Amino acid sequence: MSAPVPLIAGNWKMHGLSASLDEARAIALGCKDVSPRVVICPPSVLVHRMAQALANEPVEIGGQDAHWDDFGAFTGDVSAAMLADAGARLVILGHSERRTGYRETDEIVAKKVLAALRAGLEPIVCVGETLDERKAGRALEVVTGQVRASLPAELADKPFAVAYEPVWAIGTGLTPTIAEIEEMHRAIRASLVEKFGDHGRGMPILYGGSVKPNNAAEILKADEVGGALVGGASLKASDFLAIVQAA
């Protein structure tokens, strides 16, 4: 089976106003002749406007989170159906900032994945260990456990991606060694194949956690790294495009 098409996704987190659409347009302009899939995941209030601004451009739009129900009395939440209606094609689920700050469990993440599938969105499911878990020698156990529990069986014939983000590397400037990244990505791949068979071989495994222009090429060349989930560096077109071009 051929390797998955690389996927470079920019997670804008809680950044971006209307003026930021110009930065998104600059990113799209620089993606005319690149080989990886490129996704920007802006705040939900920008999804519709960005989807319109980048219509017919080689950049897809994603959401940053979605509720597990399609509609309901959930003040402040956004459903996968709403994101799809606004023009999103993908959605990030289970990011460590959601797992930690909002106490999202693997069970909740799996329910959100099912909601994404109902809405026709492609999920990017995040997994990763804390520094204490890594120091205790439990990194592989924790992350492969998250893979098994957060990805429901219904993904067996659907496109998806897994994003490995060591919690201790997000926004800190710290990154694991290439050997540590490869070890984890191989373990994730084995878990995907165990759960989904050949389908699990064809889904990209992204690396995230302080990905920057100066380290992207080395990370993206590592074994079983099929792309990147980029945080702060995705907010500036020149930085994000340098990462895209390294894939």
C-alpha atoms as a PDB file:
ATOM      1  CA  MET A   1       0.000   0.000   0.000  1.00  0.00           C
ATOM      2  CA  SER A   2       1.309   3.481  -0.904  1.00  0.00           C
ATOM      3  CA  ALA A   3       2.154   5.944   1.841  1.00  0.00           C
ATOM      4  CA  PRO A   4      -0.617   8.321   2.950  1.00  0.00           C
ATOM      5  CA  VAL A   5      -0.678  11.771   1.339  1.00  0.00           C
ATOM      6  CA  PRO A   6       1.048  14.138   3.789  1.00  0.00           C
ATOM      7  CA  LEU A   7      -1.329  16.389   5.716  1.00  0.00           C
ATOM      8  CA  ILE A   8      -0.244  19.735   7.146  1.00  0.00           C
ATOM      9  CA  ALA A   9      -2.882  21.269   9.411  1.00  0.00           C
ATOM     10  CA  GLY A  10      -2.690  24.665  11.058  1.00  0.00           C
ATOM     11  CA  ASN A  11      -4.465  24.992  14.402  1.00  0.00           C
ATOM     12  CA  TRP A  12      -5.067  28.686  14.968  1.00  0.00           C
ATOM     13  CA  LYS A  13      -6.480  28.031  18.459  1.00  0.00           C
ATOM     14  CA  MET A  14      -8.036  31.218  19.943  1.00  0.00           C
ATOM     15  CA  HIS A  15      -6.364  33.552  17.464  1.00  0.00           C
ATOM     16  CA  GLY A  16      -7.732  35.333  14.445  1.00  0.00           C
ATOM     17  CA  LEU A  17     -10.068  38.193  13.567  1.00  0.00           C
ATOM     18  CA  SER A  18     -11.537  39.292  10.237  1.00  0.00           C
ATOM     19  CA  ALA A  19      -8.220  40.864   9.251  1.00  0.00           C
ATOM     20  CA  SER A  20      -6.593  37.436   9.581  1.00  0.00           C
ATOM     21  CA  LEU A  21      -8.353  36.309   6.419  1.00  0.00           C
ATOM     22  CA  ASP A  22      -5.601  38.111   4.504  1.00  0.00           C
ATOM     23  CA  GLU A  23      -3.048  35.788   6.124  1.00  0.00           C
ATOM     24  CA  ALA A  24      -5.169  32.791   5.097  1.00  0.00           C
ATOM     25  CA  ARG A  25      -5.284  34.096   1.527  1.00  0.00           C
ATOM     26  CA  ALA A  26      -1.489  34.425   1.551  1.00  0.00           C
ATOM     27  CA  ILE A  27      -1.198  30.822   2.714  1.00  0.00           C
ATOM     28  CA  ALA A  28      -3.522  29.670  -0.068  1.00  0.00           C
ATOM     29  CA  LEU A  29      -1.506  31.628  -2.645  1.00  0.00           C
ATOM     30  CA  GLY A  30       1.634  29.790  -1.569  1.00  0.00           C
ATOM     31  CA  CYS A  31      -0.030  26.368  -1.800  1.00  0.00           C
ATOM     32  CA  LYS A  32      -0.745  26.398  -5.539  1.00  0.00           C
ATOM     33  CA  ASP A  33       1.865  23.773  -6.417  1.00  0.00           C
ATOM     34  CA  VAL A  34       2.522  21.828  -3.218  1.00  0.00           C
ATOM     35  CA  SER A  35       2.069  18.082  -2.766  1.00  0.00           C
ATOM     36  CA  PRO A  36       0.655  17.786   0.792  1.00  0.00           C
ATOM     37  CA  ARG A  37      -2.936  18.467   1.755  1.00  0.00           C
ATOM     38  CA  VAL A  38      -3.087  21.771   3.601  1.00  0.00           C
ATOM     39  CA  VAL A  39      -5.734  22.594   6.197  1.00  0.00           C
ATOM     40  CA  ILE A  40      -6.363  25.698   8.279  1.00  0.00           C
ATOM     41  CA  CYS A  41      -8.454  25.286  11.438  1.00  0.00           C
ATOM     42  CA  PRO A  42      -9.500  28.782  12.535  1.00  0.00           C
ATOM     43  CA  PRO A  43     -11.767  29.685  15.444  1.00  0.00           C
ATOM     44  CA  SER A  44     -15.368  28.676  14.734  1.00  0.00           C
ATOM     45  CA  VAL A  45     -16.456  32.280  14.175  1.00  0.00           C
ATOM     46  CA  LEU A  46     -14.117  32.463  11.168  1.00  0.00           C
ATOM     47  CA  VAL A  47     -14.905  29.084   9.591  1.00  0.00           C
ATOM     48  CA  HIS A  48     -17.644  30.320   7.259  1.00  0.00           C
ATOM     49  CA  ARG A  49     -15.829  33.479   6.182  1.00  0.00           C
ATOM     50  CA  MET A  50     -12.570  31.603   5.616  1.00  0.00           C
ATOM     51  CA  ALA A  51     -14.334  28.881   3.640  1.00  0.00           C
ATOM     52  CA  GLN A  52     -15.812  31.583   1.415  1.00  0.00           C
ATOM     53  CA  ALA A  53     -12.522  33.472   1.118  1.00  0.00           C
ATOM     54  CA  LEU A  54     -10.639  30.314   0.114  1.00  0.00           C
ATOM     55  CA  ALA A  55     -13.314  28.774  -2.108  1.00  0.00           C
ATOM     56  CA  ASN A  56     -11.623  26.964  -5.030  1.00  0.00           C
ATOM     57  CA  GLU A  57      -8.219  27.391  -3.385  1.00  0.00           C
ATOM     58  CA  PRO A  58      -5.936  24.405  -2.556  1.00  0.00           C
ATOM     59  CA  VAL A  59      -6.499  24.816   1.198  1.00  0.00           C
ATOM     60  CA  GLU A  60      -9.190  23.021   3.190  1.00  0.00           C
ATOM     61  CA  ILE A  61     -10.929  24.419   6.258  1.00  0.00           C
ATOM     62  CA  GLY A  62     -11.331  22.577   9.547  1.00  0.00           C
ATOM     63  CA  GLY A  63     -12.842  23.136  12.963  1.00  0.00           C
ATOM     64  CA  GLN A  64     -10.996  22.927  16.272  1.00  0.00           C
ATOM     65  CA  ASP A  65     -13.586  20.966  18.242  1.00  0.00           C
ATOM     66  CA  ALA A  66     -17.187  19.781  18.025  1.00  0.00           C
ATOM     67  CA  HIS A  67     -19.846  18.666  20.469  1.00  0.00           C
ATOM     68  CA  TRP A  68     -20.892  15.011  20.454  1.00  0.00           C
ATOM     69  CA  ASP A  69     -24.546  15.894  19.849  1.00  0.00           C
ATOM     70  CA  ASP A  70     -25.772  17.322  16.570  1.00  0.00           C
ATOM     71  CA  PHE A  71     -27.997  19.974  18.185  1.00  0.00           C
ATOM     72  CA  GLY A  72     -29.231  20.756  21.681  1.00  0.00           C
ATOM     73  CA  ALA A  73     -29.184  22.937  24.772  1.00  0.00           C
ATOM     74  CA  PHE A  74     -25.416  23.329  24.992  1.00  0.00           C
ATOM     75  CA  THR A  75     -24.766  27.041  25.371  1.00  0.00           C
ATOM     76  CA  GLY A  76     -21.536  28.128  23.724  1.00  0.00           C
ATOM     77  CA  ASP A  77     -20.817  24.806  22.003  1.00  0.00           C
ATOM     78  CA  VAL A  78     -20.565  24.157  18.273  1.00  0.00           C
ATOM     79  CA  SER A  79     -21.696  20.923  16.631  1.00  0.00           C
ATOM     80  CA  ALA A  80     -20.018  19.052  13.810  1.00  0.00           C
ATOM     81  CA  ALA A  81     -23.135  19.626  11.712  1.00  0.00           C
ATOM     82  CA  MET A  82     -22.737  23.380  12.220  1.00  0.00           C
ATOM     83  CA  LEU A  83     -19.078  23.266  11.209  1.00  0.00           C
ATOM     84  CA  ALA A  84     -19.907  21.306   8.070  1.00  0.00           C
ATOM     85  CA  ASP A  85     -22.710  23.744   7.252  1.00  0.00           C
ATOM     86  CA  ALA A  86     -20.237  26.615   7.646  1.00  0.00           C
ATOM     87  CA  GLY A  87     -17.839  25.042   5.142  1.00  0.00           C
ATOM     88  CA  ALA A  88     -15.468  22.922   7.229  1.00  0.00           C
ATOM     89  CA  ARG A  89     -14.203  19.643   5.802  1.00  0.00           C
ATOM     90  CA  LEU A  90     -12.211  18.375   8.799  1.00  0.00           C
ATOM     91  CA  VAL A  91     -12.222  18.807  12.563  1.00  0.00           C
ATOM     92  CA  ILE A  92      -9.606  18.466  15.311  1.00  0.00           C
ATOM     93  CA  LEU A  93     -10.837  16.343  18.214  1.00  0.00           C
ATOM     94  CA  GLY A  94      -9.275  15.368  21.533  1.00  0.00           C
ATOM     95  CA  HIS A  95      -6.567  18.019  21.548  1.00  0.00           C
ATOM     96  CA  SER A  96      -4.626  17.940  24.808  1.00  0.00           C
ATOM     97  CA  GLU A  97      -5.917  21.414  25.647  1.00  0.00           C
ATOM     98  CA  ARG A  98      -9.420  19.921  25.538  1.00  0.00           C
ATOM     99  CA  ARG A  99      -8.457  16.706  27.321  1.00  0.00           C
ATOM    100  CA  THR A 100      -6.676  18.608  30.103  1.00  0.00           C
ATOM    101  CA  GLY A 101      -8.533  21.897  30.387  1.00  0.00           C
ATOM    102  CA  TYR A 102     -12.019  20.490  29.809  1.00  0.00           C
ATOM    103  CA  ARG A 103     -11.518  17.007  31.254  1.00  0.00           C
ATOM    104  CA  GLU A 104     -12.330  15.251  27.979  1.00  0.00           C
ATOM    105  CA  THR A 105     -11.935  11.498  28.275  1.00  0.00           C
ATOM    106  CA  ASP A 106     -11.254   8.982  25.527  1.00  0.00           C
ATOM    107  CA  GLU A 107     -14.959   8.103  25.663  1.00  0.00           C
ATOM    108  CA  ILE A 108     -15.967  11.714  25.031  1.00  0.00           C
ATOM    109  CA  VAL A 109     -13.481  12.014  22.176  1.00  0.00           C
ATOM    110  CA  ALA A 110     -14.861   8.834  20.589  1.00  0.00           C
ATOM    111  CA  LYS A 111     -18.410  10.250  20.811  1.00  0.00           C
ATOM    112  CA  LYS A 112     -17.193  13.415  19.098  1.00  0.00           C
ATOM    113  CA  VAL A 113     -15.596  11.345  16.334  1.00  0.00           C
ATOM    114  CA  LEU A 114     -18.958   9.682  15.698  1.00  0.00           C
ATOM    115  CA  ALA A 115     -20.601  13.112  15.519  1.00  0.00           C
ATOM    116  CA  ALA A 116     -17.976  14.219  12.997  1.00  0.00           C
ATOM    117  CA  LEU A 117     -18.686  11.175  10.849  1.00  0.00           C
ATOM    118  CA  ARG A 118     -22.431  11.862  10.954  1.00  0.00           C
ATOM    119  CA  ALA A 119     -21.735  15.366   9.654  1.00  0.00           C
ATOM    120  CA  GLY A 120     -19.380  14.139   6.930  1.00  0.00           C
ATOM    121  CA  LEU A 121     -16.303  15.671   8.540  1.00  0.00           C
ATOM    122  CA  GLU A 122     -12.882  14.025   8.531  1.00  0.00           C
ATOM    123  CA  PRO A 123     -11.578  13.802  12.113  1.00  0.00           C
ATOM    124  CA  ILE A 124      -8.035  14.567  13.190  1.00  0.00           C
ATOM    125  CA  VAL A 125      -7.827  12.754  16.527  1.00  0.00           C
ATOM    126  CA  CYS A 126      -5.140  13.968  18.921  1.00  0.00           C
ATOM    127  CA  VAL A 127      -3.233  11.791  21.367  1.00  0.00           C
ATOM    128  CA  GLY A 128      -0.233  12.429  23.580  1.00  0.00           C
ATOM    129  CA  GLU A 129       1.408  11.886  26.945  1.00  0.00           C
ATOM    130  CA  THR A 130       2.314  14.307  29.722  1.00  0.00           C
ATOM    131  CA  LEU A 131       5.875  14.848  30.887  1.00  0.00           C
ATOM    132  CA  ASP A 132       5.190  12.868  34.085  1.00  0.00           C
ATOM    133  CA  GLU A 133       3.880   9.941  32.031  1.00  0.00           C
ATOM    134  CA  ARG A 134       6.969   9.993  29.832  1.00  0.00           C
ATOM    135  CA  LYS A 135       9.320  10.195  32.813  1.00  0.00           C
ATOM    136  CA  ALA A 136       7.506   7.225  34.341  1.00  0.00           C
ATOM    137  CA  GLY A 137       8.155   5.170  31.197  1.00  0.00           C
ATOM    138  CA  ARG A 138       4.438   5.021  30.334  1.00  0.00           C
ATOM    139  CA  ALA A 139       4.394   7.124  27.148  1.00  0.00           C
ATOM    140  CA  LEU A 140       3.794   4.236  24.736  1.00  0.00           C
ATOM    141  CA  GLU A 141       1.185   2.664  27.002  1.00  0.00           C
ATOM    142  CA  VAL A 142      -0.716   5.932  27.446  1.00  0.00           C
ATOM    143  CA  VAL A 143      -0.732   6.954  23.806  1.00  0.00           C
ATOM    144  CA  THR A 144      -1.593   3.578  22.305  1.00  0.00           C
ATOM    145  CA  GLY A 145      -4.355   3.303  24.901  1.00  0.00           C
ATOM    146  CA  GLN A 146      -5.730   6.652  23.728  1.00  0.00           C
ATOM    147  CA  VAL A 147      -5.606   5.451  20.114  1.00  0.00           C
ATOM    148  CA  ARG A 148      -7.549   2.300  20.909  1.00  0.00           C
ATOM    149  CA  ALA A 149     -10.177   4.062  23.039  1.00  0.00           C
ATOM    150  CA  SER A 150     -10.613   7.352  21.153  1.00  0.00           C
ATOM    151  CA  LEU A 151     -11.054   5.932  17.647  1.00  0.00           C
ATOM    152  CA  PRO A 152     -14.383   4.092  17.269  1.00  0.00           C
ATOM    153  CA  ALA A 153     -14.816   1.062  15.026  1.00  0.00           C
ATOM    154  CA  GLU A 154     -16.956   3.159  12.670  1.00  0.00           C
ATOM    155  CA  LEU A 155     -13.745   4.690  11.268  1.00  0.00           C
ATOM    156  CA  ALA A 156     -12.922   1.365   9.600  1.00  0.00           C
ATOM    157  CA  ASP A 157     -13.789   2.613   6.109  1.00  0.00           C
ATOM    158  CA  LYS A 158     -13.599   6.391   6.644  1.00  0.00           C
ATOM    159  CA  PRO A 159     -10.738   8.857   6.162  1.00  0.00           C
ATOM    160  CA  PHE A 160      -9.148  10.148   9.350  1.00  0.00           C
ATOM    161  CA  ALA A 161      -5.817  11.194  10.793  1.00  0.00           C
ATOM    162  CA  VAL A 162      -4.150  10.727  14.162  1.00  0.00           C
ATOM    163  CA  ALA A 163      -2.051  13.575  15.541  1.00  0.00           C
ATOM    164  CA  TYR A 164       0.600  12.703  18.105  1.00  0.00           C
ATOM    165  CA  GLU A 165       1.270  15.712  20.295  1.00  0.00           C
ATOM    166  CA  PRO A 166       3.382  15.136  23.403  1.00  0.00           C
ATOM    167  CA  VAL A 167       1.646  17.433  25.872  1.00  0.00           C
ATOM    168  CA  TRP A 168       4.931  18.691  27.267  1.00  0.00           C
ATOM    169  CA  ALA A 169       6.055  19.901  23.811  1.00  0.00           C
ATOM    170  CA  ILE A 170       3.010  22.009  22.914  1.00  0.00           C
ATOM    171  CA  GLY A 171       3.916  25.669  22.871  1.00  0.00           C
ATOM    172  CA  THR A 172       7.058  25.134  24.933  1.00  0.00           C
ATOM    173  CA  GLY A 173       9.697  25.065  22.211  1.00  0.00           C
ATOM    174  CA  LEU A 174      10.640  21.571  23.367  1.00  0.00           C
ATOM    175  CA  THR A 175      10.450  18.593  21.021  1.00  0.00           C
ATOM    176  CA  PRO A 176      11.176  14.888  21.452  1.00  0.00           C
ATOM    177  CA  THR A 177      14.168  13.458  19.674  1.00  0.00           C
ATOM    178  CA  ILE A 178      13.604  12.058  16.198  1.00  0.00           C
ATOM    179  CA  ALA A 179      14.127   8.565  17.633  1.00  0.00           C
ATOM    180  CA  GLU A 180      11.387   9.193  20.220  1.00  0.00           C
ATOM    181  CA  ILE A 181       9.015  10.513  17.553  1.00  0.00           C
ATOM    182  CA  GLU A 182       9.657   7.502  15.331  1.00  0.00           C
ATOM    183  CA  GLU A 183       9.177   5.070  18.198  1.00  0.00           C
ATOM    184  CA  MET A 184       5.814   6.601  19.055  1.00  0.00           C
ATOM    185  CA  HIS A 185       4.604   6.858  15.478  1.00  0.00           C
ATOM    186  CA  ARG A 186       5.487   3.218  14.830  1.00  0.00           C
ATOM    187  CA  ALA A 187       3.550   2.223  17.944  1.00  0.00           C
ATOM    188  CA  ILE A 188       0.553   4.269  16.813  1.00  0.00           C
ATOM    189  CA  ARG A 189       0.723   2.669  13.369  1.00  0.00           C
ATOM    190  CA  ALA A 190       0.778  -0.795  14.915  1.00  0.00           C
ATOM    191  CA  SER A 191      -2.287   0.097  17.002  1.00  0.00           C
ATOM    192  CA  LEU A 192      -4.121   1.386  13.922  1.00  0.00           C
ATOM    193  CA  VAL A 193      -3.341  -1.753  11.942  1.00  0.00           C
ATOM    194  CA  GLU A 194      -4.379  -3.921  14.878  1.00  0.00           C
ATOM    195  CA  LYS A 195      -7.718  -2.113  15.073  1.00  0.00           C
ATOM    196  CA  PHE A 196      -8.484  -1.331  11.419  1.00  0.00           C
ATOM    197  CA  GLY A 197      -6.373  -3.758   9.379  1.00  0.00           C
ATOM    198  CA  ASP A 198      -5.091  -2.463   6.037  1.00  0.00           C
ATOM    199  CA  HIS A 199      -7.196   0.678   6.387  1.00  0.00           C
ATOM    200  CA  GLY A 200      -5.047   1.588   9.375  1.00  0.00           C
ATOM    201  CA  ARG A 201      -1.946   1.507   7.181  1.00  0.00           C
ATOM    202  CA  GLY A 202      -3.260   4.214   4.890  1.00  0.00           C
ATOM    203  CA  MET A 203      -4.193   6.908   7.402  1.00  0.00           C
ATOM    204  CA  PRO A 204      -1.649   9.673   8.110  1.00  0.00           C
ATOM    205  CA  ILE A 205      -0.088  10.084  11.544  1.00  0.00           C
ATOM    206  CA  LEU A 206       0.780  13.717  12.146  1.00  0.00           C
ATOM    207  CA  TYR A 207       3.328  15.072  14.580  1.00  0.00           C
ATOM    208  CA  GLY A 208       2.499  18.182  16.584  1.00  0.00           C
ATOM    209  CA  GLY A 209       4.227  20.096  19.337  1.00  0.00           C
ATOM    210  CA  SER A 210       6.460  23.115  18.631  1.00  0.00           C
ATOM    211  CA  VAL A 211       6.747  22.395  14.892  1.00  0.00           C
ATOM    212  CA  LYS A 212       8.590  25.311  13.323  1.00  0.00           C
ATOM    213  CA  PRO A 213      10.285  26.118   9.998  1.00  0.00           C
ATOM    214  CA  ASN A 214      13.699  25.262  11.464  1.00  0.00           C
ATOM    215  CA  ASN A 215      12.772  21.733  12.588  1.00  0.00           C
ATOM    216  CA  ALA A 216       9.963  20.768  10.205  1.00  0.00           C
ATOM    217  CA  ALA A 217      12.083  19.120   7.502  1.00  0.00           C
ATOM    218  CA  GLU A 218      13.821  16.773   9.934  1.00  0.00           C
ATOM    219  CA  ILE A 219      10.571  15.833  11.688  1.00  0.00           C
ATOM    220  CA  LEU A 220       8.616  15.309   8.468  1.00  0.00           C
ATOM    221  CA  LYS A 221      11.301  12.960   7.121  1.00  0.00           C
ATOM    222  CA  ALA A 222      11.041  10.696  10.182  1.00  0.00           C
ATOM    223  CA  ASP A 223       9.607   7.201   9.812  1.00  0.00           C
ATOM    224  CA  GLU A 224       5.781   7.054   9.943  1.00  0.00           C
ATOM    225  CA  VAL A 225       5.433  10.838  10.196  1.00  0.00           C
ATOM    226  CA  GLY A 226       2.721  11.659   7.677  1.00  0.00           C
ATOM    227  CA  GLY A 227       2.384  15.365   8.287  1.00  0.00           C
ATOM    228  CA  ALA A 228       2.168  17.949  11.042  1.00  0.00           C
ATOM    229  CA  LEU A 229      -0.366  19.648  13.270  1.00  0.00           C
ATOM    230  CA  VAL A 230       1.049  23.143  13.611  1.00  0.00           C
ATOM    231  CA  GLY A 231       0.111  25.659  16.290  1.00  0.00           C
ATOM    232  CA  GLY A 232       1.678  29.111  16.564  1.00  0.00           C
ATOM    233  CA  ALA A 233       3.729  28.796  13.387  1.00  0.00           C
ATOM    234  CA  SER A 234       0.527  28.446  11.342  1.00  0.00           C
ATOM    235  CA  LEU A 235      -0.576  31.997  12.154  1.00  0.00           C
ATOM    236  CA  LYS A 236       2.022  33.572   9.884  1.00  0.00           C
ATOM    237  CA  ALA A 237       1.943  32.677   6.196  1.00  0.00           C
ATOM    238  CA  SER A 238       5.711  32.703   5.716  1.00  0.00           C
ATOM    239  CA  ASP A 239       6.303  30.330   8.636  1.00  0.00           C
ATOM    240  CA  PHE A 240       3.447  27.984   7.780  1.00  0.00           C
ATOM    241  CA  LEU A 241       4.389  27.832   4.106  1.00  0.00           C
ATOM    242  CA  ALA A 242       7.981  26.939   5.043  1.00  0.00           C
ATOM    243  CA  ILE A 243       6.596  23.939   6.934  1.00  0.00           C
ATOM    244  CA  VAL A 244       4.259  22.998   4.063  1.00  0.00           C
ATOM    245  CA  GLN A 245       7.145  23.150   1.598  1.00  0.00           C
ATOM    246  CA  ALA A 246       9.254  20.903   3.850  1.00  0.00           C
ATOM    247  CA  ALA A 247       6.725  18.067   3.581  1.00  0.00           C
END
